[in-house]
């Protein structure tokens, strides 16, 4: 079983690395294409990034390669940490969800050790919330900025028609960011769903083992489980909960403000 998990982790990391490389290359591809297209009419600006390397280079393709690599490194420094946080967050949620599902299965559910395992799961959720909450908030904010910028550009039909290449690449780039954001939200939502399922099983457990009228400890545990179903959650720094309904709210907000911005331009 551990070997299968390691293989899954390896494939996930390889796919994430490929995903990240594709996303980071998109802005550089656009800049390189525009540079090739308008190289003769493009004056040298000494304030531009890597202008010294471009000035020294006499070949157009060397200039294009230097510009592409600089853009790639710029995007790498700008987005690599965010993508890494998303990968680690999804992996943590996935592992915890798998442990909860195993615990909830009839084959592995043991009432004698259920409370100990439940508190271990609860502690894992608390640690995920404490370690990743602020980072997920930053990732969400950056994603919203990119979505809003691309959306306002695409809603301006004249600008989108004039620069078709940028429209295609911007759409693809935002789709990758959206996929990462969607995966993060769905991983958190799946974990919370499994946790609530575990809470429901735990509320039924004391009835088989204890009598509430005579055992105050069982009654206390029952009330704690009922409270945990609503209080233990995953958020983005406490501003909003990561669940499926949040995706619809975010999409509606972006479209609404994008349309308003276009109307008042």
C-alpha atoms as a PDB file:
ATOM      1  CA  UNK A   1       0.000   0.000   0.000  1.00  0.00           C
ATOM      2  CA  UNK A   2       2.844   2.401   0.832  1.00  0.00           C
ATOM      3  CA  UNK A   3       4.434   1.636  -2.540  1.00  0.00           C
ATOM      4  CA  UNK A   4       1.224   2.513  -4.350  1.00  0.00           C
ATOM      5  CA  UNK A   5       1.011   5.803  -2.458  1.00  0.00           C
ATOM      6  CA  UNK A   6       4.597   6.652  -3.327  1.00  0.00           C
ATOM      7  CA  UNK A   7       3.877   5.957  -6.997  1.00  0.00           C
ATOM      8  CA  UNK A   8       0.829   8.188  -6.877  1.00  0.00           C
ATOM      9  CA  UNK A   9       2.835  10.924  -5.215  1.00  0.00           C
ATOM     10  CA  UNK A  10       5.552  10.587  -7.862  1.00  0.00           C
ATOM     11  CA  UNK A  11       3.067  10.855 -10.716  1.00  0.00           C
ATOM     12  CA  UNK A  12       1.348  13.777  -9.031  1.00  0.00           C
ATOM     13  CA  UNK A  13       4.636  15.636  -8.651  1.00  0.00           C
ATOM     14  CA  UNK A  14       5.618  14.952 -12.277  1.00  0.00           C
ATOM     15  CA  UNK A  15       2.244  16.122 -13.557  1.00  0.00           C
ATOM     16  CA  UNK A  16       2.411  19.208 -11.320  1.00  0.00           C
ATOM     17  CA  UNK A  17       5.893  20.045 -12.607  1.00  0.00           C
ATOM     18  CA  UNK A  18       4.703  19.731 -16.213  1.00  0.00           C
ATOM     19  CA  UNK A  19       1.627  21.804 -15.403  1.00  0.00           C
ATOM     20  CA  UNK A  20       3.757  24.497 -13.766  1.00  0.00           C
ATOM     21  CA  UNK A  21       6.256  24.611 -16.642  1.00  0.00           C
ATOM     22  CA  UNK A  22       3.438  25.016 -19.163  1.00  0.00           C
ATOM     23  CA  UNK A  23       1.901  27.860 -17.195  1.00  0.00           C
ATOM     24  CA  UNK A  24       5.221  29.664 -16.784  1.00  0.00           C
ATOM     25  CA  UNK A  25       6.101  29.384 -20.495  1.00  0.00           C
ATOM     26  CA  UNK A  26       2.908  31.026 -21.750  1.00  0.00           C
ATOM     27  CA  UNK A  27       3.836  34.698 -21.058  1.00  0.00           C
ATOM     28  CA  UNK A  28       7.313  34.106 -22.473  1.00  0.00           C
ATOM     29  CA  UNK A  29       5.869  32.559 -25.642  1.00  0.00           C
ATOM     30  CA  UNK A  30       3.677  35.593 -26.189  1.00  0.00           C
ATOM     31  CA  UNK A  31       6.524  38.060 -25.632  1.00  0.00           C
ATOM     32  CA  UNK A  32       8.833  36.061 -27.913  1.00  0.00           C
ATOM     33  CA  UNK A  33       6.222  35.931 -30.689  1.00  0.00           C
ATOM     34  CA  UNK A  34       5.592  39.656 -30.473  1.00  0.00           C
ATOM     35  CA  UNK A  35       9.331  40.316 -30.478  1.00  0.00           C
ATOM     36  CA  UNK A  36       9.836  38.246 -33.636  1.00  0.00           C
ATOM     37  CA  UNK A  37       6.894  39.933 -35.310  1.00  0.00           C
ATOM     38  CA  UNK A  38       7.947  43.505 -34.506  1.00  0.00           C
ATOM     39  CA  UNK A  39      11.702  43.101 -34.098  1.00  0.00           C
ATOM     40  CA  UNK A  40      12.667  45.619 -36.777  1.00  0.00           C
ATOM     41  CA  UNK A  41      10.373  48.318 -35.422  1.00  0.00           C
ATOM     42  CA  UNK A  42      11.106  47.696 -31.763  1.00  0.00           C
ATOM     43  CA  UNK A  43      13.472  50.336 -30.300  1.00  0.00           C
ATOM     44  CA  UNK A  44      15.882  49.373 -27.564  1.00  0.00           C
ATOM     45  CA  UNK A  45      14.788  50.637 -24.176  1.00  0.00           C
ATOM     46  CA  UNK A  46      17.642  50.766 -21.661  1.00  0.00           C
ATOM     47  CA  UNK A  47      15.167  50.593 -18.810  1.00  0.00           C
ATOM     48  CA  UNK A  48      13.825  47.256 -19.992  1.00  0.00           C
ATOM     49  CA  UNK A  49      14.708  44.022 -18.221  1.00  0.00           C
ATOM     50  CA  UNK A  50      17.904  42.332 -19.481  1.00  0.00           C
ATOM     51  CA  UNK A  51      18.429  45.270 -21.897  1.00  0.00           C
ATOM     52  CA  UNK A  52      22.215  44.849 -21.617  1.00  0.00           C
ATOM     53  CA  UNK A  53      22.078  41.261 -22.898  1.00  0.00           C
ATOM     54  CA  UNK A  54      19.744  42.298 -25.693  1.00  0.00           C
ATOM     55  CA  UNK A  55      22.058  45.170 -26.653  1.00  0.00           C
ATOM     56  CA  UNK A  56      25.114  42.926 -26.785  1.00  0.00           C
ATOM     57  CA  UNK A  57      23.327  40.306 -28.890  1.00  0.00           C
ATOM     58  CA  UNK A  58      23.279  40.965 -32.618  1.00  0.00           C
ATOM     59  CA  UNK A  59      21.113  38.024 -33.639  1.00  0.00           C
ATOM     60  CA  UNK A  60      17.360  38.379 -33.528  1.00  0.00           C
ATOM     61  CA  UNK A  61      16.883  34.821 -32.299  1.00  0.00           C
ATOM     62  CA  UNK A  62      19.407  35.254 -29.511  1.00  0.00           C
ATOM     63  CA  UNK A  63      17.482  38.322 -28.367  1.00  0.00           C
ATOM     64  CA  UNK A  64      14.250  36.323 -28.507  1.00  0.00           C
ATOM     65  CA  UNK A  65      15.763  33.465 -26.478  1.00  0.00           C
ATOM     66  CA  UNK A  66      17.138  35.839 -23.853  1.00  0.00           C
ATOM     67  CA  UNK A  67      13.794  37.612 -23.567  1.00  0.00           C
ATOM     68  CA  UNK A  68      11.927  34.312 -23.299  1.00  0.00           C
ATOM     69  CA  UNK A  69      14.221  32.963 -20.574  1.00  0.00           C
ATOM     70  CA  UNK A  70      13.981  36.199 -18.604  1.00  0.00           C
ATOM     71  CA  UNK A  71      10.198  36.110 -18.797  1.00  0.00           C
ATOM     72  CA  UNK A  72      10.215  32.454 -17.739  1.00  0.00           C
ATOM     73  CA  UNK A  73      12.389  33.191 -14.694  1.00  0.00           C
ATOM     74  CA  UNK A  74      10.239  36.186 -13.837  1.00  0.00           C
ATOM     75  CA  UNK A  75       7.087  34.071 -13.917  1.00  0.00           C
ATOM     76  CA  UNK A  76       8.827  31.252 -12.066  1.00  0.00           C
ATOM     77  CA  UNK A  77       9.742  33.492  -9.153  1.00  0.00           C
ATOM     78  CA  UNK A  78       6.271  35.001  -9.224  1.00  0.00           C
ATOM     79  CA  UNK A  79       4.164  31.820  -9.376  1.00  0.00           C
ATOM     80  CA  UNK A  80       6.260  28.813  -8.319  1.00  0.00           C
ATOM     81  CA  UNK A  81       5.589  29.279  -4.608  1.00  0.00           C
ATOM     82  CA  UNK A  82       1.843  29.561  -5.229  1.00  0.00           C
ATOM     83  CA  UNK A  83       1.753  26.400  -7.309  1.00  0.00           C
ATOM     84  CA  UNK A  84       3.883  24.570  -4.770  1.00  0.00           C
ATOM     85  CA  UNK A  85       1.506  25.576  -1.981  1.00  0.00           C
ATOM     86  CA  UNK A  86      -1.434  24.314  -4.050  1.00  0.00           C
ATOM     87  CA  UNK A  87       0.270  20.943  -4.657  1.00  0.00           C
ATOM     88  CA  UNK A  88       1.158  20.439  -0.983  1.00  0.00           C
ATOM     89  CA  UNK A  89      -2.295  21.553   0.150  1.00  0.00           C
ATOM     90  CA  UNK A  90      -4.096  19.183  -2.220  1.00  0.00           C
ATOM     91  CA  UNK A  91      -1.803  16.330  -1.252  1.00  0.00           C
ATOM     92  CA  UNK A  92      -2.412  16.940   2.474  1.00  0.00           C
ATOM     93  CA  UNK A  93      -6.175  17.064   1.927  1.00  0.00           C
ATOM     94  CA  UNK A  94      -6.046  13.921  -0.185  1.00  0.00           C
ATOM     95  CA  UNK A  95      -4.076  11.944   2.384  1.00  0.00           C
ATOM     96  CA  UNK A  96      -6.330  13.040   5.235  1.00  0.00           C
ATOM     97  CA  UNK A  97      -9.460  12.246   3.205  1.00  0.00           C
ATOM     98  CA  UNK A  98      -8.105   8.793   2.430  1.00  0.00           C
ATOM     99  CA  UNK A  99      -7.442   8.165   6.128  1.00  0.00           C
ATOM    100  CA  UNK A 100     -10.973   9.288   7.052  1.00  0.00           C
ATOM    101  CA  UNK A 101     -12.553   7.079   4.383  1.00  0.00           C
ATOM    102  CA  UNK A 102     -10.550   4.110   5.645  1.00  0.00           C
ATOM    103  CA  UNK A 103     -11.619   4.857   9.194  1.00  0.00           C
ATOM    104  CA  UNK A 104     -15.282   5.134   8.172  1.00  0.00           C
ATOM    105  CA  UNK A 105     -15.316   1.817   6.332  1.00  0.00           C
ATOM    106  CA  UNK A 106     -17.045  -1.015   8.169  1.00  0.00           C
ATOM    107  CA  UNK A 107     -14.022  -3.236   7.733  1.00  0.00           C
ATOM    108  CA  UNK A 108     -11.651  -0.904   9.625  1.00  0.00           C
ATOM    109  CA  UNK A 109     -14.079   0.822  11.986  1.00  0.00           C
ATOM    110  CA  UNK A 110     -13.333  -0.274  15.545  1.00  0.00           C
ATOM    111  CA  UNK A 111     -15.408   1.316  18.320  1.00  0.00           C
ATOM    112  CA  UNK A 112     -12.681   0.656  20.903  1.00  0.00           C
ATOM    113  CA  UNK A 113     -10.179   2.951  19.155  1.00  0.00           C
ATOM    114  CA  UNK A 114     -12.602   5.206  17.275  1.00  0.00           C
ATOM    115  CA  UNK A 115     -12.308   8.161  19.657  1.00  0.00           C
ATOM    116  CA  UNK A 116      -8.518   8.152  19.585  1.00  0.00           C
ATOM    117  CA  UNK A 117      -8.465   8.060  15.788  1.00  0.00           C
ATOM    118  CA  UNK A 118     -11.128  10.743  15.591  1.00  0.00           C
ATOM    119  CA  UNK A 119      -9.087  13.159  17.676  1.00  0.00           C
ATOM    120  CA  UNK A 120      -6.044  12.422  15.494  1.00  0.00           C
ATOM    121  CA  UNK A 121      -8.052  13.313  12.378  1.00  0.00           C
ATOM    122  CA  UNK A 122      -9.370  16.442  14.052  1.00  0.00           C
ATOM    123  CA  UNK A 123      -5.815  17.458  14.924  1.00  0.00           C
ATOM    124  CA  UNK A 124      -4.748  16.956  11.276  1.00  0.00           C
ATOM    125  CA  UNK A 125      -7.523  19.272  10.072  1.00  0.00           C
ATOM    126  CA  UNK A 126      -6.492  21.891  12.591  1.00  0.00           C
ATOM    127  CA  UNK A 127      -2.870  21.660  11.438  1.00  0.00           C
ATOM    128  CA  UNK A 128      -3.842  21.961   7.760  1.00  0.00           C
ATOM    129  CA  UNK A 129      -5.931  25.029   8.556  1.00  0.00           C
ATOM    130  CA  UNK A 130      -3.178  26.605  10.643  1.00  0.00           C
ATOM    131  CA  UNK A 131      -0.327  25.975   8.188  1.00  0.00           C
ATOM    132  CA  UNK A 132      -1.998  26.683   4.861  1.00  0.00           C
ATOM    133  CA  UNK A 133      -4.798  29.137   5.630  1.00  0.00           C
ATOM    134  CA  UNK A 134      -2.855  32.333   4.935  1.00  0.00           C
ATOM    135  CA  UNK A 135      -1.026  30.834   1.942  1.00  0.00           C
ATOM    136  CA  UNK A 136      -4.320  29.727   0.374  1.00  0.00           C
ATOM    137  CA  UNK A 137      -5.666  33.236   0.927  1.00  0.00           C
ATOM    138  CA  UNK A 138      -2.696  34.701  -0.979  1.00  0.00           C
ATOM    139  CA  UNK A 139      -3.132  32.110  -3.754  1.00  0.00           C
ATOM    140  CA  UNK A 140      -6.833  32.930  -4.007  1.00  0.00           C
ATOM    141  CA  UNK A 141      -6.137  36.660  -4.160  1.00  0.00           C
ATOM    142  CA  UNK A 142      -3.546  36.244  -6.909  1.00  0.00           C
ATOM    143  CA  UNK A 143      -5.887  33.971  -8.851  1.00  0.00           C
ATOM    144  CA  UNK A 144      -8.707  36.507  -8.627  1.00  0.00           C
ATOM    145  CA  UNK A 145      -6.420  39.250  -9.919  1.00  0.00           C
ATOM    146  CA  UNK A 146      -5.438  37.137 -12.936  1.00  0.00           C
ATOM    147  CA  UNK A 147      -9.041  36.111 -13.630  1.00  0.00           C
ATOM    148  CA  UNK A 148     -10.245  39.691 -13.398  1.00  0.00           C
ATOM    149  CA  UNK A 149      -7.496  41.021 -15.669  1.00  0.00           C
ATOM    150  CA  UNK A 150      -8.120  38.401 -18.347  1.00  0.00           C
ATOM    151  CA  UNK A 151     -11.888  38.756 -18.052  1.00  0.00           C
ATOM    152  CA  UNK A 152     -11.831  42.531 -18.526  1.00  0.00           C
ATOM    153  CA  UNK A 153      -9.592  42.114 -21.563  1.00  0.00           C
ATOM    154  CA  UNK A 154     -11.791  39.460 -23.163  1.00  0.00           C
ATOM    155  CA  UNK A 155     -14.974  41.447 -22.501  1.00  0.00           C
ATOM    156  CA  UNK A 156     -13.466  44.289 -24.525  1.00  0.00           C
ATOM    157  CA  UNK A 157     -14.216  42.757 -27.912  1.00  0.00           C
ATOM    158  CA  UNK A 158     -12.268  45.368 -29.888  1.00  0.00           C
ATOM    159  CA  UNK A 159      -9.058  44.805 -27.947  1.00  0.00           C
ATOM    160  CA  UNK A 160      -9.479  41.022 -28.038  1.00  0.00           C
ATOM    161  CA  UNK A 161     -10.018  41.058 -31.812  1.00  0.00           C
ATOM    162  CA  UNK A 162      -6.925  43.211 -32.404  1.00  0.00           C
ATOM    163  CA  UNK A 163      -4.625  40.888 -30.474  1.00  0.00           C
ATOM    164  CA  UNK A 164      -5.839  37.346 -31.118  1.00  0.00           C
ATOM    165  CA  UNK A 165      -2.579  35.720 -29.977  1.00  0.00           C
ATOM    166  CA  UNK A 166      -2.723  37.389 -26.581  1.00  0.00           C
ATOM    167  CA  UNK A 167      -6.401  36.472 -26.242  1.00  0.00           C
ATOM    168  CA  UNK A 168      -5.700  32.783 -26.879  1.00  0.00           C
ATOM    169  CA  UNK A 169      -2.669  32.610 -24.605  1.00  0.00           C
ATOM    170  CA  UNK A 170      -4.365  34.638 -21.863  1.00  0.00           C
ATOM    171  CA  UNK A 171      -7.359  32.321 -21.962  1.00  0.00           C
ATOM    172  CA  UNK A 172      -5.150  29.241 -21.761  1.00  0.00           C
ATOM    173  CA  UNK A 173      -3.043  30.766 -18.978  1.00  0.00           C
ATOM    174  CA  UNK A 174      -6.100  31.698 -16.928  1.00  0.00           C
ATOM    175  CA  UNK A 175      -7.538  28.218 -17.531  1.00  0.00           C
ATOM    176  CA  UNK A 176      -4.459  26.664 -15.916  1.00  0.00           C
ATOM    177  CA  UNK A 177      -4.730  28.972 -12.915  1.00  0.00           C
ATOM    178  CA  UNK A 178      -8.444  28.242 -12.696  1.00  0.00           C
ATOM    179  CA  UNK A 179      -7.756  24.495 -12.755  1.00  0.00           C
ATOM    180  CA  UNK A 180      -5.321  24.862  -9.849  1.00  0.00           C
ATOM    181  CA  UNK A 181      -7.771  27.023  -7.902  1.00  0.00           C
ATOM    182  CA  UNK A 182     -10.612  24.583  -8.636  1.00  0.00           C
ATOM    183  CA  UNK A 183      -8.538  21.633  -7.479  1.00  0.00           C
ATOM    184  CA  UNK A 184      -7.681  23.387  -4.213  1.00  0.00           C
ATOM    185  CA  UNK A 185     -11.329  24.215  -3.485  1.00  0.00           C
ATOM    186  CA  UNK A 186     -12.567  20.718  -4.384  1.00  0.00           C
ATOM    187  CA  UNK A 187      -9.855  19.041  -2.285  1.00  0.00           C
ATOM    188  CA  UNK A 188     -10.847  21.094   0.744  1.00  0.00           C
ATOM    189  CA  UNK A 189     -14.547  20.483   0.117  1.00  0.00           C
ATOM    190  CA  UNK A 190     -14.018  16.727  -0.228  1.00  0.00           C
ATOM    191  CA  UNK A 191     -12.061  16.622   3.011  1.00  0.00           C
ATOM    192  CA  UNK A 192     -14.790  18.476   4.906  1.00  0.00           C
ATOM    193  CA  UNK A 193     -17.465  16.172   3.473  1.00  0.00           C
ATOM    194  CA  UNK A 194     -15.565  13.096   4.649  1.00  0.00           C
ATOM    195  CA  UNK A 195     -14.990  14.683   8.057  1.00  0.00           C
ATOM    196  CA  UNK A 196     -18.703  15.399   8.541  1.00  0.00           C
ATOM    197  CA  UNK A 197     -19.444  11.823   7.576  1.00  0.00           C
ATOM    198  CA  UNK A 198     -17.047  10.702  10.289  1.00  0.00           C
ATOM    199  CA  UNK A 199     -18.744  13.028  12.776  1.00  0.00           C
ATOM    200  CA  UNK A 200     -22.118  11.478  11.985  1.00  0.00           C
ATOM    201  CA  UNK A 201     -20.725   8.003  12.634  1.00  0.00           C
ATOM    202  CA  UNK A 202     -19.184   9.156  15.895  1.00  0.00           C
ATOM    203  CA  UNK A 203     -22.480  10.608  17.143  1.00  0.00           C
ATOM    204  CA  UNK A 204     -24.023   7.162  16.793  1.00  0.00           C
ATOM    205  CA  UNK A 205     -21.142   5.427  18.535  1.00  0.00           C
ATOM    206  CA  UNK A 206     -21.890   6.409  22.183  1.00  0.00           C
ATOM    207  CA  UNK A 207     -25.461   5.114  21.913  1.00  0.00           C
ATOM    208  CA  UNK A 208     -24.104   1.610  21.410  1.00  0.00           C
ATOM    209  CA  UNK A 209     -21.552   1.829  24.204  1.00  0.00           C
ATOM    210  CA  UNK A 210     -22.885   4.213  26.815  1.00  0.00           C
ATOM    211  CA  UNK A 211     -26.074   5.460  28.343  1.00  0.00           C
ATOM    212  CA  UNK A 212     -26.277   9.241  28.108  1.00  0.00           C
ATOM    213  CA  UNK A 213     -28.360   9.626  31.251  1.00  0.00           C
ATOM    214  CA  UNK A 214     -25.720   7.906  33.387  1.00  0.00           C
ATOM    215  CA  UNK A 215     -22.436   8.698  31.633  1.00  0.00           C
ATOM    216  CA  UNK A 216     -21.610  12.416  31.577  1.00  0.00           C
ATOM    217  CA  UNK A 217     -18.409  11.815  29.630  1.00  0.00           C
ATOM    218  CA  UNK A 218     -20.294  10.246  26.737  1.00  0.00           C
ATOM    219  CA  UNK A 219     -22.720  13.168  26.740  1.00  0.00           C
ATOM    220  CA  UNK A 220     -19.827  15.622  26.675  1.00  0.00           C
ATOM    221  CA  UNK A 221     -18.222  13.835  23.729  1.00  0.00           C
ATOM    222  CA  UNK A 222     -21.520  13.772  21.884  1.00  0.00           C
ATOM    223  CA  UNK A 223     -21.939  17.553  22.284  1.00  0.00           C
ATOM    224  CA  UNK A 224     -18.361  18.104  21.169  1.00  0.00           C
ATOM    225  CA  UNK A 225     -18.895  16.093  17.977  1.00  0.00           C
ATOM    226  CA  UNK A 226     -22.024  18.085  17.177  1.00  0.00           C
ATOM    227  CA  UNK A 227     -20.086  21.330  17.626  1.00  0.00           C
ATOM    228  CA  UNK A 228     -17.133  20.111  15.539  1.00  0.00           C
ATOM    229  CA  UNK A 229     -19.389  19.469  12.539  1.00  0.00           C
ATOM    230  CA  UNK A 230     -19.888  23.246  12.223  1.00  0.00           C
ATOM    231  CA  UNK A 231     -16.750  24.745  13.750  1.00  0.00           C
ATOM    232  CA  UNK A 232     -13.948  22.577  12.312  1.00  0.00           C
ATOM    233  CA  UNK A 233     -13.544  23.795   8.745  1.00  0.00           C
ATOM    234  CA  UNK A 234     -11.000  24.876   6.132  1.00  0.00           C
ATOM    235  CA  UNK A 235     -10.841  28.544   5.205  1.00  0.00           C
ATOM    236  CA  UNK A 236      -8.687  31.097   3.414  1.00  0.00           C
ATOM    237  CA  UNK A 237      -7.344  32.938   6.458  1.00  0.00           C
ATOM    238  CA  UNK A 238     -10.830  32.996   7.958  1.00  0.00           C
ATOM    239  CA  UNK A 239     -12.337  35.188   5.220  1.00  0.00           C
ATOM    240  CA  UNK A 240     -14.346  32.461   3.496  1.00  0.00           C
ATOM    241  CA  UNK A 241     -14.799  28.711   3.662  1.00  0.00           C
ATOM    242  CA  UNK A 242     -13.420  26.523   0.922  1.00  0.00           C
ATOM    243  CA  UNK A 243     -16.464  24.661  -0.337  1.00  0.00           C
ATOM    244  CA  UNK A 244     -18.265  24.084  -3.616  1.00  0.00           C
ATOM    245  CA  UNK A 245     -20.695  26.974  -3.171  1.00  0.00           C
ATOM    246  CA  UNK A 246     -17.744  29.349  -2.920  1.00  0.00           C
ATOM    247  CA  UNK A 247     -16.793  28.560  -6.536  1.00  0.00           C
ATOM    248  CA  UNK A 248     -20.170  29.744  -7.797  1.00  0.00           C
ATOM    249  CA  UNK A 249     -20.005  32.888  -5.668  1.00  0.00           C
ATOM    250  CA  UNK A 250     -16.505  33.707  -6.918  1.00  0.00           C
ATOM    251  CA  UNK A 251     -17.480  33.209 -10.572  1.00  0.00           C
ATOM    252  CA  UNK A 252     -20.573  35.410 -10.188  1.00  0.00           C
ATOM    253  CA  UNK A 253     -18.517  38.142  -8.491  1.00  0.00           C
ATOM    254  CA  UNK A 254     -15.854  38.178 -11.195  1.00  0.00           C
ATOM    255  CA  UNK A 255     -18.362  38.345 -14.036  1.00  0.00           C
ATOM    256  CA  UNK A 256     -20.420  41.062 -12.322  1.00  0.00           C
ATOM    257  CA  UNK A 257     -17.495  43.388 -11.647  1.00  0.00           C
ATOM    258  CA  UNK A 258     -16.001  42.667 -15.057  1.00  0.00           C
ATOM    259  CA  UNK A 259     -19.204  43.731 -16.801  1.00  0.00           C
ATOM    260  CA  UNK A 260     -19.468  46.839 -14.614  1.00  0.00           C
ATOM    261  CA  UNK A 261     -15.906  47.823 -15.420  1.00  0.00           C
ATOM    262  CA  UNK A 262     -16.545  47.475 -19.159  1.00  0.00           C
ATOM    263  CA  UNK A 263     -19.727  49.575 -18.896  1.00  0.00           C
ATOM    264  CA  UNK A 264     -17.959  52.474 -17.168  1.00  0.00           C
ATOM    265  CA  UNK A 265     -14.826  52.530 -19.322  1.00  0.00           C
END
